[in-house]
Amino acid sequence: MPDNVIGALPPAPKIVREVIRVTTSEAKTFICFSRSVWGQYVHWHANRSHECTQSKEKYCEGCERGWPVKWKGYLHVRDLTGTIKGFLEITDTAYRLIDHQLGTDKNLRGIRFRLARTKGGAKGRYIVEVYQDRLPEDQLIQEEDPYKTLKFLWSCKRPAGQSR
């Protein structure tokens, strides 16, 4: 017990990783801690994403209301400088570009890759370059599941007048 607390200790801080989106033509290089892409269908409505629970045999408000649905992939990553850590959100096209360059070894853990968008910004096409070398396992941190972070983001307070 720390010397500066009498009685119960405060709760441990919640660790919420951020969701990283590459939306500019400025290339970013990442190190991947995930073994594979974690895929999730999401709805887009009112400038935010919502979980699609259709495949989980559970009521899905987005499906019921006809909101657009997209597949998003998430990778636990950090950039080379170590300043950006979290879950990189990619589209199915970016996933296919990474997968195509991996060759026969489909394990993503330890790969380094560079990701940017064309001049269209957030609506631009992905440019992906997977480097041939991998970081050794002893230099990598434990991979994390993005679901807790996504669930937290989906549950955040919605703007006034919007139902859940």
N, C-alpha and C. Protein backbone atom coordinates (compact mmCIF):
# COMPACT_ATOMS: atom_id res chain seq x y z
N MET A 1 0.85 -1.18 0.00
CA MET A 1 0.00 0.00 0.00
C MET A 1 0.90 1.24 0.00
N PRO A 2 0.58 2.22 -0.83
CA PRO A 2 1.38 3.44 -0.83
C PRO A 2 1.29 4.16 0.51
N ASP A 3 2.37 4.86 0.86
CA ASP A 3 2.41 5.58 2.13
C ASP A 3 1.50 6.80 2.15
N ASN A 4 1.11 7.31 0.98
CA ASN A 4 0.32 8.54 0.95
C ASN A 4 -1.19 8.29 0.84
N VAL A 5 -1.64 7.05 1.06
CA VAL A 5 -3.07 6.74 1.04
C VAL A 5 -3.42 5.99 2.32
N ILE A 6 -4.42 6.49 3.02
CA ILE A 6 -4.92 5.80 4.21
C ILE A 6 -6.27 5.19 3.83
N GLY A 7 -6.46 3.94 4.12
CA GLY A 7 -7.72 3.27 3.78
C GLY A 7 -7.65 2.67 2.39
N ALA A 8 -8.78 2.71 1.71
CA ALA A 8 -8.89 2.07 0.40
C ALA A 8 -8.11 2.84 -0.66
N LEU A 9 -7.46 2.09 -1.52
CA LEU A 9 -6.74 2.69 -2.64
C LEU A 9 -7.73 3.13 -3.72
N PRO A 10 -7.40 4.17 -4.45
CA PRO A 10 -8.28 4.57 -5.56
C PRO A 10 -8.28 3.48 -6.63
N PRO A 11 -9.34 3.42 -7.44
CA PRO A 11 -9.37 2.39 -8.47
C PRO A 11 -8.25 2.61 -9.49
N ALA A 12 -7.81 1.53 -10.07
CA ALA A 12 -6.77 1.62 -11.09
C ALA A 12 -7.32 2.37 -12.29
N PRO A 13 -6.49 3.15 -12.95
CA PRO A 13 -6.99 3.88 -14.12
C PRO A 13 -7.41 2.92 -15.22
N LYS A 14 -8.48 3.28 -15.92
CA LYS A 14 -8.93 2.45 -17.03
C LYS A 14 -8.02 2.71 -18.23
N ILE A 15 -7.59 1.64 -18.84
CA ILE A 15 -6.74 1.78 -20.01
C ILE A 15 -7.63 1.65 -21.24
N VAL A 16 -7.77 2.74 -21.94
CA VAL A 16 -8.55 2.75 -23.17
C VAL A 16 -7.62 3.17 -24.29
N ARG A 17 -7.36 2.27 -25.18
CA ARG A 17 -6.51 2.57 -26.32
C ARG A 17 -7.32 3.38 -27.32
N GLU A 18 -6.65 4.24 -28.03
CA GLU A 18 -7.36 5.02 -29.02
C GLU A 18 -7.49 4.25 -30.32
N VAL A 19 -8.47 4.63 -31.12
CA VAL A 19 -8.63 4.08 -32.45
C VAL A 19 -7.92 5.05 -33.39
N ILE A 20 -6.99 4.51 -34.16
CA ILE A 20 -6.16 5.32 -35.05
C ILE A 20 -6.70 5.20 -36.46
N ARG A 21 -6.88 6.34 -37.10
CA ARG A 21 -7.33 6.36 -38.50
C ARG A 21 -6.32 7.16 -39.30
N VAL A 22 -5.87 6.62 -40.42
CA VAL A 22 -4.99 7.34 -41.32
C VAL A 22 -5.88 8.05 -42.33
N THR A 23 -5.87 9.39 -42.27
CA THR A 23 -6.79 10.16 -43.10
C THR A 23 -6.08 11.17 -44.01
N THR A 24 -4.75 11.13 -44.02
CA THR A 24 -4.00 12.08 -44.84
C THR A 24 -3.01 11.35 -45.73
N SER A 25 -2.40 12.11 -46.64
CA SER A 25 -1.40 11.52 -47.52
C SER A 25 -0.04 11.41 -46.83
N GLU A 26 0.06 11.92 -45.61
CA GLU A 26 1.30 11.77 -44.85
C GLU A 26 1.43 10.31 -44.39
N ALA A 27 2.47 9.65 -44.87
CA ALA A 27 2.65 8.22 -44.57
C ALA A 27 3.05 8.02 -43.12
N LYS A 28 2.51 6.97 -42.52
CA LYS A 28 2.87 6.59 -41.16
C LYS A 28 3.34 5.13 -41.20
N THR A 29 4.39 4.84 -40.45
CA THR A 29 4.91 3.48 -40.40
C THR A 29 4.56 2.88 -39.05
N PHE A 30 4.02 1.67 -39.08
CA PHE A 30 3.55 1.00 -37.87
C PHE A 30 4.24 -0.33 -37.66
N ILE A 31 4.30 -0.74 -36.40
CA ILE A 31 4.71 -2.09 -36.01
C ILE A 31 3.45 -2.77 -35.51
N CYS A 32 3.18 -3.97 -36.00
CA CYS A 32 1.94 -4.68 -35.67
C CYS A 32 2.17 -5.69 -34.55
N PHE A 33 1.33 -5.63 -33.52
CA PHE A 33 1.38 -6.60 -32.42
C PHE A 33 0.35 -7.71 -32.59
N SER A 34 -0.64 -7.49 -33.45
CA SER A 34 -1.70 -8.48 -33.67
C SER A 34 -1.20 -9.62 -34.55
N ARG A 35 -1.71 -10.81 -34.30
CA ARG A 35 -1.40 -11.94 -35.18
C ARG A 35 -2.25 -11.90 -36.44
N SER A 36 -3.44 -11.36 -36.31
CA SER A 36 -4.35 -11.27 -37.45
C SER A 36 -5.26 -10.05 -37.27
N VAL A 37 -5.95 -9.70 -38.32
CA VAL A 37 -6.87 -8.56 -38.28
C VAL A 37 -8.11 -8.97 -37.50
N TRP A 38 -8.60 -8.07 -36.64
CA TRP A 38 -9.84 -8.29 -35.91
C TRP A 38 -10.93 -7.57 -36.69
N GLY A 39 -11.84 -8.32 -37.31
CA GLY A 39 -12.86 -7.74 -38.16
C GLY A 39 -14.16 -7.46 -37.42
N GLN A 40 -14.83 -6.37 -37.82
CA GLN A 40 -16.08 -5.98 -37.18
C GLN A 40 -16.94 -5.24 -38.19
N TYR A 41 -18.20 -5.61 -38.28
CA TYR A 41 -19.15 -4.84 -39.09
C TYR A 41 -19.66 -3.69 -38.24
N VAL A 42 -19.73 -2.50 -38.83
CA VAL A 42 -20.21 -1.31 -38.13
C VAL A 42 -21.21 -0.58 -39.00
N HIS A 43 -22.10 0.14 -38.33
CA HIS A 43 -23.02 1.04 -39.02
C HIS A 43 -22.47 2.45 -38.88
N TRP A 44 -22.75 3.28 -39.85
CA TRP A 44 -22.36 4.69 -39.78
C TRP A 44 -23.63 5.52 -39.80
N HIS A 45 -23.83 6.31 -38.73
CA HIS A 45 -25.01 7.15 -38.63
C HIS A 45 -24.70 8.33 -37.73
N ALA A 46 -25.16 9.51 -38.10
CA ALA A 46 -25.00 10.73 -37.30
C ALA A 46 -23.52 10.99 -36.96
N ASN A 47 -22.68 10.84 -37.97
CA ASN A 47 -21.24 11.12 -37.83
C ASN A 47 -20.52 10.26 -36.80
N ARG A 48 -20.97 9.05 -36.60
CA ARG A 48 -20.29 8.15 -35.68
C ARG A 48 -20.59 6.70 -36.05
N SER A 49 -19.72 5.81 -35.61
CA SER A 49 -19.93 4.40 -35.89
C SER A 49 -20.73 3.77 -34.75
N HIS A 50 -21.45 2.72 -35.10
CA HIS A 50 -22.28 1.96 -34.15
C HIS A 50 -22.03 0.48 -34.43
N GLU A 51 -22.01 -0.32 -33.39
CA GLU A 51 -21.78 -1.74 -33.55
C GLU A 51 -22.93 -2.38 -34.33
N CYS A 52 -22.59 -3.25 -35.26
CA CYS A 52 -23.59 -4.06 -35.94
C CYS A 52 -23.60 -5.42 -35.26
N THR A 53 -24.72 -5.76 -34.66
CA THR A 53 -24.82 -7.03 -33.92
C THR A 53 -25.59 -8.08 -34.71
N GLN A 54 -25.85 -7.81 -35.95
CA GLN A 54 -26.65 -8.71 -36.79
C GLN A 54 -26.13 -10.14 -36.76
N SER A 55 -24.83 -10.32 -36.87
CA SER A 55 -24.29 -11.68 -36.93
C SER A 55 -24.28 -12.35 -35.56
N LYS A 56 -24.55 -11.62 -34.49
CA LYS A 56 -24.54 -12.17 -33.14
C LYS A 56 -25.94 -12.59 -32.68
N GLU A 57 -26.88 -12.65 -33.62
CA GLU A 57 -28.25 -13.06 -33.34
C GLU A 57 -28.87 -12.24 -32.20
N LYS A 58 -28.66 -10.96 -32.25
CA LYS A 58 -29.12 -10.04 -31.23
C LYS A 58 -29.71 -8.85 -31.95
N TYR A 59 -30.63 -8.15 -31.33
CA TYR A 59 -31.25 -6.99 -31.97
C TYR A 59 -30.20 -5.99 -32.40
N CYS A 60 -30.32 -5.47 -33.61
CA CYS A 60 -29.38 -4.47 -34.12
C CYS A 60 -30.18 -3.26 -34.62
N GLU A 61 -30.07 -2.16 -33.87
CA GLU A 61 -30.79 -0.96 -34.23
C GLU A 61 -30.41 -0.46 -35.62
N GLY A 62 -29.12 -0.53 -35.95
CA GLY A 62 -28.66 -0.05 -37.25
C GLY A 62 -29.26 -0.83 -38.41
N CYS A 63 -29.33 -2.15 -38.26
CA CYS A 63 -29.94 -2.99 -39.31
C CYS A 63 -31.43 -2.68 -39.41
N GLU A 64 -32.09 -2.56 -38.25
CA GLU A 64 -33.52 -2.28 -38.20
C GLU A 64 -33.86 -0.95 -38.88
N ARG A 65 -33.00 0.05 -38.70
CA ARG A 65 -33.25 1.38 -39.27
C ARG A 65 -32.65 1.57 -40.66
N GLY A 66 -31.96 0.57 -41.15
CA GLY A 66 -31.41 0.64 -42.51
C GLY A 66 -30.17 1.52 -42.64
N TRP A 67 -29.40 1.67 -41.55
CA TRP A 67 -28.18 2.45 -41.61
C TRP A 67 -27.14 1.71 -42.46
N PRO A 68 -26.28 2.43 -43.16
CA PRO A 68 -25.24 1.76 -43.96
C PRO A 68 -24.33 0.91 -43.08
N VAL A 69 -23.88 -0.20 -43.62
CA VAL A 69 -23.00 -1.10 -42.86
C VAL A 69 -21.70 -1.28 -43.64
N LYS A 70 -20.60 -1.31 -42.91
CA LYS A 70 -19.27 -1.50 -43.51
C LYS A 70 -18.47 -2.45 -42.64
N TRP A 71 -17.51 -3.10 -43.27
CA TRP A 71 -16.56 -3.92 -42.52
C TRP A 71 -15.36 -3.06 -42.20
N LYS A 72 -14.90 -3.13 -40.97
CA LYS A 72 -13.67 -2.46 -40.55
C LYS A 72 -12.78 -3.49 -39.89
N GLY A 73 -11.49 -3.37 -40.13
CA GLY A 73 -10.51 -4.24 -39.49
C GLY A 73 -9.70 -3.43 -38.49
N TYR A 74 -9.26 -4.08 -37.42
CA TYR A 74 -8.50 -3.39 -36.38
C TYR A 74 -7.24 -4.18 -36.07
N LEU A 75 -6.12 -3.45 -35.98
CA LEU A 75 -4.83 -4.03 -35.66
C LEU A 75 -4.24 -3.30 -34.46
N HIS A 76 -3.71 -4.04 -33.50
CA HIS A 76 -3.03 -3.44 -32.37
C HIS A 76 -1.63 -3.04 -32.86
N VAL A 77 -1.34 -1.72 -32.84
CA VAL A 77 -0.10 -1.21 -33.43
C VAL A 77 0.50 -0.09 -32.58
N ARG A 78 1.72 0.26 -32.93
CA ARG A 78 2.34 1.51 -32.50
C ARG A 78 3.18 2.00 -33.66
N ASP A 79 3.39 3.30 -33.71
CA ASP A 79 4.24 3.83 -34.77
C ASP A 79 5.71 3.66 -34.38
N LEU A 80 6.61 3.93 -35.31
CA LEU A 80 8.03 3.70 -35.05
C LEU A 80 8.58 4.60 -33.95
N THR A 81 8.01 5.78 -33.78
CA THR A 81 8.49 6.69 -32.74
C THR A 81 7.94 6.32 -31.37
N GLY A 82 6.90 5.52 -31.33
CA GLY A 82 6.28 5.13 -30.06
C GLY A 82 5.29 6.14 -29.53
N THR A 83 4.99 7.18 -30.30
CA THR A 83 4.05 8.20 -29.83
C THR A 83 2.59 7.84 -30.11
N ILE A 84 2.35 7.02 -31.11
CA ILE A 84 0.99 6.61 -31.44
C ILE A 84 0.85 5.13 -31.09
N LYS A 85 -0.06 4.82 -30.16
CA LYS A 85 -0.33 3.43 -29.77
C LYS A 85 -1.83 3.23 -29.75
N GLY A 86 -2.27 2.10 -30.20
CA GLY A 86 -3.70 1.82 -30.16
C GLY A 86 -4.11 0.84 -31.22
N PHE A 87 -5.33 1.01 -31.72
CA PHE A 87 -5.90 0.10 -32.69
C PHE A 87 -6.09 0.83 -34.02
N LEU A 88 -5.36 0.40 -35.00
CA LEU A 88 -5.44 0.99 -36.33
C LEU A 88 -6.68 0.46 -37.03
N GLU A 89 -7.52 1.37 -37.49
CA GLU A 89 -8.73 0.99 -38.21
C GLU A 89 -8.41 1.00 -39.70
N ILE A 90 -8.70 -0.13 -40.36
CA ILE A 90 -8.46 -0.23 -41.80
C ILE A 90 -9.72 -0.72 -42.50
N THR A 91 -9.78 -0.47 -43.79
CA THR A 91 -10.91 -0.95 -44.59
C THR A 91 -10.58 -2.33 -45.15
N ASP A 92 -11.56 -2.94 -45.79
CA ASP A 92 -11.33 -4.24 -46.41
C ASP A 92 -10.28 -4.13 -47.53
N THR A 93 -10.24 -3.00 -48.23
CA THR A 93 -9.25 -2.82 -49.29
C THR A 93 -7.84 -2.78 -48.71
N ALA A 94 -7.64 -2.03 -47.63
CA ALA A 94 -6.32 -1.96 -46.99
C ALA A 94 -5.92 -3.35 -46.48
N TYR A 95 -6.88 -4.08 -45.92
CA TYR A 95 -6.59 -5.44 -45.46
C TYR A 95 -6.10 -6.31 -46.62
N ARG A 96 -6.77 -6.23 -47.74
CA ARG A 96 -6.36 -7.04 -48.90
C ARG A 96 -4.97 -6.65 -49.41
N LEU A 97 -4.66 -5.36 -49.37
CA LEU A 97 -3.33 -4.91 -49.79
C LEU A 97 -2.24 -5.45 -48.87
N ILE A 98 -2.50 -5.45 -47.57
CA ILE A 98 -1.54 -6.01 -46.61
C ILE A 98 -1.41 -7.51 -46.83
N ASP A 99 -2.54 -8.19 -46.92
CA ASP A 99 -2.56 -9.65 -47.08
C ASP A 99 -1.83 -10.07 -48.35
N HIS A 100 -2.04 -9.35 -49.42
CA HIS A 100 -1.39 -9.68 -50.70
C HIS A 100 0.13 -9.59 -50.59
N GLN A 101 0.62 -8.61 -49.85
CA GLN A 101 2.07 -8.42 -49.74
C GLN A 101 2.72 -9.36 -48.73
N LEU A 102 1.93 -10.00 -47.88
CA LEU A 102 2.51 -10.91 -46.88
C LEU A 102 3.04 -12.20 -47.50
N GLY A 103 2.51 -12.59 -48.63
CA GLY A 103 2.93 -13.86 -49.22
C GLY A 103 2.29 -15.03 -48.50
N THR A 104 3.08 -16.07 -48.24
CA THR A 104 2.51 -17.29 -47.65
C THR A 104 2.39 -17.21 -46.13
N ASP A 105 3.22 -16.40 -45.46
CA ASP A 105 3.16 -16.28 -44.00
C ASP A 105 2.14 -15.21 -43.65
N LYS A 106 0.95 -15.61 -43.26
CA LYS A 106 -0.15 -14.68 -43.01
C LYS A 106 -0.16 -14.11 -41.59
N ASN A 107 0.80 -14.49 -40.75
CA ASN A 107 0.89 -13.96 -39.40
C ASN A 107 1.37 -12.51 -39.47
N LEU A 108 0.61 -11.58 -38.90
CA LEU A 108 0.94 -10.15 -38.96
C LEU A 108 1.88 -9.72 -37.84
N ARG A 109 2.01 -10.52 -36.81
CA ARG A 109 2.77 -10.12 -35.62
C ARG A 109 4.23 -9.81 -35.96
N GLY A 110 4.64 -8.59 -35.62
CA GLY A 110 6.03 -8.19 -35.82
C GLY A 110 6.31 -7.51 -37.15
N ILE A 111 5.31 -7.50 -38.05
CA ILE A 111 5.59 -6.85 -39.34
C ILE A 111 5.64 -5.33 -39.16
N ARG A 112 6.37 -4.70 -40.05
CA ARG A 112 6.37 -3.24 -40.15
C ARG A 112 5.72 -2.91 -41.48
N PHE A 113 4.85 -1.92 -41.47
CA PHE A 113 4.22 -1.51 -42.72
C PHE A 113 3.97 -0.01 -42.71
N ARG A 114 3.92 0.52 -43.90
CA ARG A 114 3.72 1.95 -44.09
C ARG A 114 2.35 2.15 -44.71
N LEU A 115 1.61 3.11 -44.18
CA LEU A 115 0.24 3.33 -44.62
C LEU A 115 0.00 4.82 -44.85
N ALA A 116 -0.63 5.15 -45.96
CA ALA A 116 -0.99 6.53 -46.29
C ALA A 116 -2.24 6.49 -47.14
N ARG A 117 -2.75 7.65 -47.44
CA ARG A 117 -3.88 7.79 -48.36
C ARG A 117 -3.44 8.65 -49.53
N THR A 118 -4.11 8.48 -50.64
CA THR A 118 -3.83 9.34 -51.78
C THR A 118 -4.32 10.74 -51.47
N LYS A 119 -4.15 11.67 -52.38
CA LYS A 119 -4.47 13.07 -52.13
C LYS A 119 -5.93 13.34 -51.77
N GLY A 120 -6.80 12.37 -51.91
CA GLY A 120 -8.20 12.56 -51.57
C GLY A 120 -8.46 12.65 -50.08
N GLY A 121 -7.41 12.58 -49.27
CA GLY A 121 -7.58 12.66 -47.81
C GLY A 121 -8.32 11.46 -47.26
N ALA A 122 -9.27 11.70 -46.37
CA ALA A 122 -10.01 10.61 -45.73
C ALA A 122 -10.77 9.75 -46.74
N LYS A 123 -11.10 10.32 -47.89
CA LYS A 123 -11.80 9.55 -48.92
C LYS A 123 -10.84 9.01 -49.97
N GLY A 124 -9.54 9.27 -49.81
CA GLY A 124 -8.53 8.78 -50.75
C GLY A 124 -8.31 7.28 -50.61
N ARG A 125 -7.66 6.73 -51.58
CA ARG A 125 -7.33 5.29 -51.54
C ARG A 125 -6.11 5.05 -50.67
N TYR A 126 -6.07 3.86 -50.06
CA TYR A 126 -4.92 3.49 -49.24
C TYR A 126 -3.72 3.16 -50.10
N ILE A 127 -2.55 3.53 -49.60
CA ILE A 127 -1.28 3.11 -50.17
C ILE A 127 -0.60 2.34 -49.05
N VAL A 128 -0.29 1.07 -49.29
CA VAL A 128 0.27 0.20 -48.25
C VAL A 128 1.57 -0.39 -48.75
N GLU A 129 2.58 -0.36 -47.89
CA GLU A 129 3.85 -1.00 -48.19
C GLU A 129 4.25 -1.83 -46.98
N VAL A 130 4.31 -3.16 -47.14
CA VAL A 130 4.72 -4.06 -46.07
C VAL A 130 6.21 -4.34 -46.25
N TYR A 131 6.99 -4.09 -45.18
CA TYR A 131 8.43 -4.34 -45.23
C TYR A 131 8.70 -5.84 -45.05
N GLN A 132 9.79 -6.30 -45.60
CA GLN A 132 10.10 -7.73 -45.58
C GLN A 132 10.57 -8.24 -44.22
N ASP A 133 11.24 -7.38 -43.45
CA ASP A 133 11.75 -7.85 -42.15
C ASP A 133 10.68 -7.78 -41.08
N ARG A 134 10.83 -8.60 -40.06
CA ARG A 134 9.92 -8.63 -38.91
C ARG A 134 10.72 -8.37 -37.65
N LEU A 135 10.05 -7.78 -36.67
CA LEU A 135 10.67 -7.65 -35.36
C LEU A 135 10.59 -8.99 -34.65
N PRO A 136 11.63 -9.36 -33.91
CA PRO A 136 11.57 -10.63 -33.17
C PRO A 136 10.54 -10.60 -32.05
N GLU A 137 10.02 -11.75 -31.73
CA GLU A 137 8.95 -11.88 -30.73
C GLU A 137 9.33 -11.25 -29.40
N ASP A 138 10.59 -11.35 -28.97
CA ASP A 138 10.99 -10.81 -27.67
C ASP A 138 11.01 -9.27 -27.63
N GLN A 139 10.84 -8.62 -28.77
CA GLN A 139 10.77 -7.15 -28.82
C GLN A 139 9.34 -6.64 -28.92
N LEU A 140 8.37 -7.55 -28.89
CA LEU A 140 6.97 -7.17 -29.07
C LEU A 140 6.20 -7.27 -27.75
N ILE A 141 5.26 -6.35 -27.57
CA ILE A 141 4.40 -6.43 -26.40
C ILE A 141 3.24 -7.39 -26.70
N GLN A 142 2.51 -7.75 -25.66
CA GLN A 142 1.35 -8.64 -25.79
C GLN A 142 0.29 -7.99 -26.66
N GLU A 143 -0.28 -8.73 -27.59
CA GLU A 143 -1.35 -8.17 -28.41
C GLU A 143 -2.60 -7.98 -27.57
N GLU A 144 -3.41 -6.98 -27.93
CA GLU A 144 -4.64 -6.68 -27.20
C GLU A 144 -5.83 -6.76 -28.14
N ASP A 145 -6.98 -7.07 -27.57
CA ASP A 145 -8.23 -7.15 -28.29
C ASP A 145 -8.86 -5.76 -28.33
N PRO A 146 -9.29 -5.28 -29.50
CA PRO A 146 -9.86 -3.93 -29.58
C PRO A 146 -11.31 -3.83 -29.10
N TYR A 147 -11.97 -4.94 -28.81
CA TYR A 147 -13.40 -4.90 -28.55
C TYR A 147 -13.76 -4.00 -27.36
N LYS A 148 -12.97 -4.04 -26.27
CA LYS A 148 -13.27 -3.20 -25.10
C LYS A 148 -13.25 -1.72 -25.49
N THR A 149 -12.25 -1.34 -26.24
CA THR A 149 -12.13 0.06 -26.67
C THR A 149 -13.29 0.44 -27.58
N LEU A 150 -13.62 -0.42 -28.54
CA LEU A 150 -14.73 -0.12 -29.45
C LEU A 150 -16.04 -0.04 -28.69
N LYS A 151 -16.26 -0.98 -27.79
CA LYS A 151 -17.50 -0.98 -27.01
C LYS A 151 -17.61 0.31 -26.19
N PHE A 152 -16.50 0.77 -25.61
CA PHE A 152 -16.50 2.03 -24.88
C PHE A 152 -16.88 3.19 -25.80
N LEU A 153 -16.29 3.24 -26.99
CA LEU A 153 -16.59 4.33 -27.92
C LEU A 153 -18.04 4.29 -28.38
N TRP A 154 -18.57 3.10 -28.64
CA TRP A 154 -19.96 2.98 -29.07
C TRP A 154 -20.93 3.38 -27.96
N SER A 155 -20.52 3.24 -26.71
CA SER A 155 -21.42 3.55 -25.59
C SER A 155 -21.32 5.00 -25.13
N CYS A 156 -20.39 5.77 -25.68
CA CYS A 156 -20.25 7.17 -25.27
C CYS A 156 -21.55 7.92 -25.53
N LYS A 157 -21.76 8.95 -24.75
CA LYS A 157 -22.99 9.73 -24.83
C LYS A 157 -23.21 10.26 -26.25
N ARG A 158 -24.39 10.06 -26.73
CA ARG A 158 -24.76 10.54 -28.05
C ARG A 158 -25.27 11.97 -27.96
N PRO A 159 -25.18 12.72 -29.03
CA PRO A 159 -25.71 14.09 -29.01
C PRO A 159 -27.19 14.10 -28.62
N ALA A 160 -27.62 15.20 -28.02
CA ALA A 160 -29.02 15.32 -27.57
C ALA A 160 -29.99 15.07 -28.72
N GLY A 161 -31.06 14.38 -28.41
CA GLY A 161 -32.09 14.11 -29.41
C GLY A 161 -31.89 12.84 -30.20
N GLN A 162 -30.81 12.12 -29.96
CA GLN A 162 -30.58 10.87 -30.67
C GLN A 162 -30.82 9.70 -29.73
N SER A 163 -31.55 8.74 -30.24
CA SER A 163 -31.81 7.56 -29.42
C SER A 163 -30.64 6.60 -29.57
N ARG A 164 -30.58 5.67 -28.70
CA ARG A 164 -29.50 4.70 -28.74
C ARG A 164 -29.86 3.52 -29.56
